[in-house]
């Protein structure tokens, strides 16, 4: 498939897909005339990149993990594993913080609902 179809299938703009290539996150096959060609694996890769971006990872961090997204080898796996562990720890901390914030919001919501319910009865 060409870049337009990949864009349509993933919901990611052509410009972003080109950026992914520039950053080393995505590699396309090229025709003799220079047109980019992609396959179904690229659709999955783009979705994964989007998930990582949504989680707050930088393109630089994702690029360090790219070699192990398809076929890890010992040298690449050791390097990427360090980055992956760091990102997992960062995400776990962020999740814990979000859960704590939600718990506190739930408490405040309950306090204020109770207040309004009792104030309405006065």
N, C-alpha and C. Protein backbone atom coordinates (compact mmCIF):
# COMPACT_ATOMS: atom_id res chain seq x y z
N UNK A 1 0.85 -1.17 0.00
CA UNK A 1 0.00 0.00 0.00
C UNK A 1 0.90 1.23 0.00
N UNK A 2 0.35 2.31 -0.49
CA UNK A 2 1.09 3.56 -0.53
C UNK A 2 0.76 4.39 0.71
N UNK A 3 1.44 5.50 0.86
CA UNK A 3 1.33 6.29 2.07
C UNK A 3 -0.09 6.80 2.33
N UNK A 4 -0.83 7.12 1.27
CA UNK A 4 -2.20 7.58 1.43
C UNK A 4 -3.10 6.52 2.05
N UNK A 5 -2.93 5.28 1.63
CA UNK A 5 -3.74 4.20 2.19
C UNK A 5 -3.34 3.91 3.63
N UNK A 6 -2.04 3.95 3.91
CA UNK A 6 -1.60 3.76 5.29
C UNK A 6 -2.17 4.87 6.17
N UNK A 7 -2.18 6.07 5.68
CA UNK A 7 -2.76 7.19 6.41
C UNK A 7 -4.24 6.96 6.69
N UNK A 8 -4.96 6.51 5.69
CA UNK A 8 -6.39 6.25 5.84
C UNK A 8 -6.63 5.12 6.83
N UNK A 9 -5.87 4.05 6.72
CA UNK A 9 -6.08 2.88 7.59
C UNK A 9 -5.71 3.14 9.04
N UNK A 10 -4.77 4.05 9.27
CA UNK A 10 -4.31 4.29 10.64
C UNK A 10 -4.87 5.57 11.25
N UNK A 11 -5.39 6.46 10.41
CA UNK A 11 -5.87 7.74 10.91
C UNK A 11 -4.74 8.70 11.22
N UNK A 12 -3.56 8.41 10.74
CA UNK A 12 -2.38 9.25 10.97
C UNK A 12 -2.07 9.98 9.67
N UNK A 13 -1.80 11.27 9.77
CA UNK A 13 -1.57 12.07 8.57
C UNK A 13 -0.32 11.61 7.81
N UNK A 14 -0.31 11.90 6.53
CA UNK A 14 0.86 11.58 5.70
C UNK A 14 2.09 12.29 6.25
N UNK A 15 1.89 13.51 6.68
CA UNK A 15 3.01 14.29 7.22
C UNK A 15 3.59 13.58 8.45
N UNK A 16 2.73 13.08 9.33
CA UNK A 16 3.21 12.36 10.52
C UNK A 16 3.93 11.08 10.12
N UNK A 17 3.41 10.39 9.13
CA UNK A 17 4.06 9.16 8.68
C UNK A 17 5.45 9.46 8.13
N UNK A 18 5.59 10.55 7.40
CA UNK A 18 6.92 10.95 6.90
C UNK A 18 7.84 11.29 8.07
N UNK A 19 7.28 11.97 9.08
CA UNK A 19 8.06 12.29 10.28
C UNK A 19 8.53 11.01 10.96
N UNK A 20 7.65 10.02 11.07
CA UNK A 20 8.04 8.75 11.68
C UNK A 20 9.23 8.15 10.94
N UNK A 21 9.22 8.25 9.63
CA UNK A 21 10.34 7.73 8.85
C UNK A 21 11.61 8.52 9.12
N UNK A 22 11.49 9.83 9.16
CA UNK A 22 12.66 10.68 9.43
C UNK A 22 13.28 10.37 10.79
N UNK A 23 12.44 10.02 11.75
CA UNK A 23 12.91 9.73 13.11
C UNK A 23 13.37 8.29 13.28
N UNK A 24 13.21 7.47 12.26
CA UNK A 24 13.62 6.07 12.33
C UNK A 24 12.61 5.17 13.01
N UNK A 25 11.37 5.63 13.12
CA UNK A 25 10.33 4.84 13.77
C UNK A 25 9.65 3.89 12.79
N UNK A 26 9.73 4.20 11.53
CA UNK A 26 9.03 3.46 10.49
C UNK A 26 9.94 3.42 9.27
N UNK A 27 10.02 2.26 8.63
CA UNK A 27 10.85 2.12 7.42
C UNK A 27 9.97 1.56 6.32
N UNK A 28 9.93 2.26 5.21
CA UNK A 28 9.13 1.80 4.07
C UNK A 28 10.04 1.22 3.01
N UNK A 29 9.44 0.42 2.15
CA UNK A 29 10.12 -0.01 0.94
C UNK A 29 9.95 1.12 -0.07
N UNK A 30 10.87 1.24 -0.99
CA UNK A 30 10.78 2.31 -1.99
C UNK A 30 10.78 1.72 -3.39
N UNK A 31 9.95 2.32 -4.22
CA UNK A 31 9.94 1.93 -5.63
C UNK A 31 11.13 2.60 -6.31
N UNK A 32 11.45 2.18 -7.54
CA UNK A 32 12.54 2.84 -8.27
C UNK A 32 12.32 4.35 -8.42
N UNK A 33 11.06 4.77 -8.44
CA UNK A 33 10.78 6.20 -8.58
C UNK A 33 10.74 6.92 -7.22
N UNK A 34 10.98 6.16 -6.13
CA UNK A 34 11.05 6.76 -4.80
C UNK A 34 9.76 6.76 -4.01
N UNK A 35 8.69 6.17 -4.56
CA UNK A 35 7.44 6.12 -3.82
C UNK A 35 7.55 5.14 -2.65
N UNK A 36 6.94 5.53 -1.54
CA UNK A 36 6.95 4.68 -0.35
C UNK A 36 5.89 3.59 -0.49
N UNK A 37 6.24 2.39 -0.03
CA UNK A 37 5.30 1.28 0.00
C UNK A 37 5.31 0.65 1.39
N UNK A 38 4.12 0.28 1.86
CA UNK A 38 3.93 -0.27 3.19
C UNK A 38 3.12 -1.56 3.11
N UNK A 39 3.15 -2.34 4.20
CA UNK A 39 2.34 -3.56 4.27
C UNK A 39 1.53 -3.54 5.56
N UNK A 40 0.83 -4.63 5.84
CA UNK A 40 -0.02 -4.69 7.03
C UNK A 40 0.77 -4.56 8.32
N UNK A 41 2.00 -4.99 8.34
CA UNK A 41 2.83 -4.85 9.54
C UNK A 41 3.05 -3.37 9.87
N UNK A 42 3.11 -2.54 8.86
CA UNK A 42 3.26 -1.10 9.09
C UNK A 42 2.03 -0.52 9.79
N UNK A 43 0.86 -1.05 9.48
CA UNK A 43 -0.37 -0.59 10.14
C UNK A 43 -0.25 -0.85 11.63
N UNK A 44 0.19 -2.05 11.98
CA UNK A 44 0.38 -2.40 13.39
C UNK A 44 1.45 -1.51 14.02
N UNK A 45 2.56 -1.27 13.32
CA UNK A 45 3.65 -0.46 13.86
C UNK A 45 3.18 0.96 14.13
N UNK A 46 2.42 1.54 13.22
CA UNK A 46 1.92 2.90 13.40
C UNK A 46 1.00 2.96 14.62
N UNK A 47 0.15 1.96 14.79
CA UNK A 47 -0.73 1.92 15.96
C UNK A 47 0.09 1.86 17.25
N UNK A 48 1.14 1.07 17.25
CA UNK A 48 2.02 0.97 18.41
C UNK A 48 2.72 2.29 18.69
N UNK A 49 3.20 2.94 17.67
CA UNK A 49 3.84 4.25 17.82
C UNK A 49 2.85 5.25 18.41
N UNK A 50 1.62 5.22 17.95
CA UNK A 50 0.59 6.12 18.48
C UNK A 50 0.34 5.87 19.96
N UNK A 51 0.30 4.60 20.35
CA UNK A 51 0.10 4.26 21.76
C UNK A 51 1.26 4.81 22.59
N UNK A 52 2.46 4.64 22.11
CA UNK A 52 3.64 5.12 22.85
C UNK A 52 3.64 6.65 22.94
N UNK A 53 3.28 7.32 21.85
CA UNK A 53 3.19 8.79 21.91
C UNK A 53 2.12 9.22 22.91
N UNK A 54 0.99 8.55 22.90
CA UNK A 54 -0.10 8.89 23.83
C UNK A 54 0.33 8.68 25.28
N UNK A 55 1.26 7.76 25.50
CA UNK A 55 1.77 7.50 26.84
C UNK A 55 2.86 8.47 27.25
N UNK A 56 3.18 9.41 26.37
CA UNK A 56 4.16 10.44 26.69
C UNK A 56 5.59 10.13 26.30
N UNK A 57 5.78 9.09 25.51
CA UNK A 57 7.14 8.77 25.07
C UNK A 57 7.55 9.69 23.93
N UNK A 58 8.81 10.01 23.89
CA UNK A 58 9.34 10.85 22.81
C UNK A 58 9.70 9.98 21.61
N UNK A 59 9.82 10.61 20.46
CA UNK A 59 10.20 9.85 19.26
C UNK A 59 11.61 9.27 19.44
N UNK A 60 12.44 9.97 20.16
CA UNK A 60 13.80 9.47 20.42
C UNK A 60 13.76 8.18 21.23
N UNK A 61 12.92 8.16 22.26
CA UNK A 61 12.79 6.96 23.09
C UNK A 61 12.22 5.81 22.28
N UNK A 62 11.17 6.10 21.50
CA UNK A 62 10.56 5.05 20.68
C UNK A 62 11.57 4.51 19.69
N UNK A 63 12.37 5.38 19.11
CA UNK A 63 13.38 4.95 18.13
C UNK A 63 14.37 3.97 18.76
N UNK A 64 14.66 4.14 20.04
CA UNK A 64 15.57 3.21 20.71
C UNK A 64 14.95 1.83 20.89
N UNK A 65 13.63 1.77 20.88
CA UNK A 65 12.94 0.50 21.05
C UNK A 65 12.60 -0.17 19.72
N UNK A 66 12.64 0.58 18.64
CA UNK A 66 12.24 0.08 17.32
C UNK A 66 12.95 -1.21 16.93
N UNK A 67 14.25 -1.34 17.12
CA UNK A 67 14.89 -2.58 16.68
C UNK A 67 14.30 -3.84 17.30
N UNK A 68 13.74 -3.74 18.47
CA UNK A 68 13.18 -4.93 19.13
C UNK A 68 11.69 -5.10 18.89
N UNK A 69 11.12 -4.26 18.07
CA UNK A 69 9.69 -4.39 17.78
C UNK A 69 9.43 -5.47 16.75
N UNK A 70 10.43 -5.84 15.99
CA UNK A 70 10.23 -6.87 14.98
C UNK A 70 11.01 -8.13 15.33
N UNK A 71 12.32 -8.08 15.25
CA UNK A 71 13.13 -9.25 15.54
C UNK A 71 14.29 -8.86 16.44
N UNK A 72 14.13 -9.08 17.75
CA UNK A 72 15.22 -8.73 18.66
C UNK A 72 16.45 -9.60 18.43
N UNK A 73 17.60 -9.01 18.65
CA UNK A 73 18.83 -9.80 18.72
C UNK A 73 19.54 -9.39 20.00
N UNK A 74 20.56 -10.11 20.40
CA UNK A 74 21.15 -9.91 21.72
C UNK A 74 21.61 -8.48 21.94
N UNK A 75 22.36 -7.91 21.03
CA UNK A 75 22.87 -6.55 21.20
C UNK A 75 21.75 -5.53 21.26
N UNK A 76 20.82 -5.64 20.37
CA UNK A 76 19.70 -4.70 20.34
C UNK A 76 18.79 -4.88 21.54
N UNK A 77 18.56 -6.12 21.92
CA UNK A 77 17.65 -6.40 23.03
C UNK A 77 18.19 -5.84 24.34
N UNK A 78 19.49 -5.97 24.58
CA UNK A 78 20.08 -5.45 25.82
C UNK A 78 19.92 -3.94 25.90
N UNK A 79 20.21 -3.26 24.80
CA UNK A 79 20.10 -1.80 24.76
C UNK A 79 18.64 -1.37 24.91
N UNK A 80 17.76 -1.97 24.16
CA UNK A 80 16.36 -1.58 24.17
C UNK A 80 15.69 -1.94 25.50
N UNK A 81 16.11 -3.03 26.12
CA UNK A 81 15.51 -3.45 27.38
C UNK A 81 15.71 -2.40 28.46
N UNK A 82 16.84 -1.76 28.49
CA UNK A 82 17.09 -0.69 29.45
C UNK A 82 16.10 0.44 29.26
N UNK A 83 15.91 0.85 28.03
CA UNK A 83 14.96 1.93 27.72
C UNK A 83 13.54 1.49 28.07
N UNK A 84 13.19 0.27 27.71
CA UNK A 84 11.85 -0.24 27.99
C UNK A 84 11.57 -0.29 29.49
N UNK A 85 12.55 -0.74 30.27
CA UNK A 85 12.38 -0.78 31.72
C UNK A 85 12.18 0.62 32.29
N UNK A 86 12.96 1.58 31.81
CA UNK A 86 12.81 2.96 32.28
C UNK A 86 11.42 3.51 31.95
N UNK A 87 10.95 3.26 30.76
CA UNK A 87 9.63 3.75 30.35
C UNK A 87 8.52 3.06 31.12
N UNK A 88 8.68 1.78 31.37
CA UNK A 88 7.67 1.05 32.15
C UNK A 88 7.59 1.62 33.56
N UNK A 89 8.74 1.89 34.16
CA UNK A 89 8.75 2.47 35.50
C UNK A 89 8.12 3.86 35.50
N UNK A 90 8.41 4.66 34.49
CA UNK A 90 7.83 6.00 34.38
C UNK A 90 6.31 5.90 34.25
N UNK A 91 5.85 5.00 33.40
CA UNK A 91 4.40 4.82 33.21
C UNK A 91 3.73 4.31 34.49
N UNK A 92 4.37 3.39 35.17
CA UNK A 92 3.80 2.87 36.42
C UNK A 92 3.65 3.98 37.45
N UNK A 93 4.64 4.83 37.56
CA UNK A 93 4.57 5.96 38.49
C UNK A 93 3.43 6.90 38.09
N UNK A 94 3.33 7.19 36.79
CA UNK A 94 2.27 8.09 36.31
C UNK A 94 0.89 7.49 36.57
N UNK A 95 0.76 6.20 36.36
CA UNK A 95 -0.52 5.52 36.62
C UNK A 95 -0.87 5.62 38.10
N UNK A 96 0.10 5.38 38.97
CA UNK A 96 -0.15 5.49 40.41
C UNK A 96 -0.61 6.90 40.78
N UNK A 97 0.01 7.90 40.18
CA UNK A 97 -0.37 9.28 40.45
C UNK A 97 -1.79 9.56 39.96
N UNK A 98 -2.14 9.05 38.81
CA UNK A 98 -3.49 9.24 38.27
C UNK A 98 -4.53 8.55 39.14
N UNK A 99 -4.24 7.35 39.60
CA UNK A 99 -5.17 6.64 40.47
C UNK A 99 -5.37 7.41 41.77
N UNK A 100 -4.28 7.94 42.33
CA UNK A 100 -4.39 8.73 43.56
C UNK A 100 -5.23 9.98 43.33
N UNK A 101 -5.04 10.65 42.21
CA UNK A 101 -5.82 11.84 41.89
C UNK A 101 -7.30 11.48 41.73
N UNK A 102 -7.58 10.38 41.04
CA UNK A 102 -8.97 9.96 40.86
C UNK A 102 -9.63 9.62 42.20
N UNK A 103 -8.90 8.95 43.06
CA UNK A 103 -9.43 8.61 44.38
C UNK A 103 -9.77 9.87 45.16
N UNK A 104 -8.90 10.85 45.12
CA UNK A 104 -9.17 12.11 45.83
C UNK A 104 -10.35 12.85 45.21
N UNK A 105 -10.45 12.83 43.89
CA UNK A 105 -11.61 13.46 43.23
C UNK A 105 -12.90 12.76 43.63
N UNK A 106 -12.88 11.43 43.67
CA UNK A 106 -14.07 10.68 44.10
C UNK A 106 -14.49 11.10 45.51
N UNK A 107 -13.51 11.26 46.39
CA UNK A 107 -13.80 11.66 47.76
C UNK A 107 -14.42 13.06 47.79
N UNK A 108 -13.84 13.99 47.04
CA UNK A 108 -14.36 15.36 47.01
C UNK A 108 -15.76 15.42 46.39
N UNK A 109 -15.96 14.63 45.36
CA UNK A 109 -17.29 14.57 44.73
C UNK A 109 -18.32 14.09 45.74
N UNK A 110 -17.99 13.06 46.45
CA UNK A 110 -18.91 12.52 47.45
C UNK A 110 -19.19 13.53 48.55
N UNK A 111 -18.18 14.20 49.06
CA UNK A 111 -18.36 15.22 50.09
C UNK A 111 -19.30 16.32 49.60
N UNK A 112 -19.06 16.78 48.39
CA UNK A 112 -19.88 17.88 47.86
C UNK A 112 -21.30 17.44 47.52
N UNK A 113 -21.47 16.24 47.04
CA UNK A 113 -22.82 15.74 46.79
C UNK A 113 -23.60 15.63 48.09
N UNK A 114 -22.94 15.09 49.10
CA UNK A 114 -23.60 14.98 50.41
C UNK A 114 -23.96 16.36 50.95
N UNK A 115 -23.07 17.31 50.80
CA UNK A 115 -23.34 18.66 51.28
C UNK A 115 -24.57 19.23 50.58
N UNK A 116 -24.61 19.11 49.25
CA UNK A 116 -25.74 19.65 48.50
C UNK A 116 -27.05 18.94 48.85
N UNK A 117 -26.97 17.64 49.07
CA UNK A 117 -28.17 16.89 49.42
C UNK A 117 -28.71 17.34 50.77
N UNK A 118 -27.82 17.52 51.75
CA UNK A 118 -28.27 17.97 53.08
C UNK A 118 -28.65 19.44 53.09
N UNK A 119 -27.97 20.26 52.29
CA UNK A 119 -28.29 21.69 52.23
C UNK A 119 -29.66 21.90 51.60
N UNK A 120 -30.03 21.04 50.68
CA UNK A 120 -31.34 21.16 50.03
C UNK A 120 -32.46 20.85 51.00
N UNK A 121 -32.19 20.03 52.00
CA UNK A 121 -33.19 19.66 52.99
C UNK A 121 -33.37 20.70 54.09
N UNK A 122 -32.46 21.65 54.17
CA UNK A 122 -32.57 22.68 55.22
C UNK A 122 -33.47 23.81 54.84
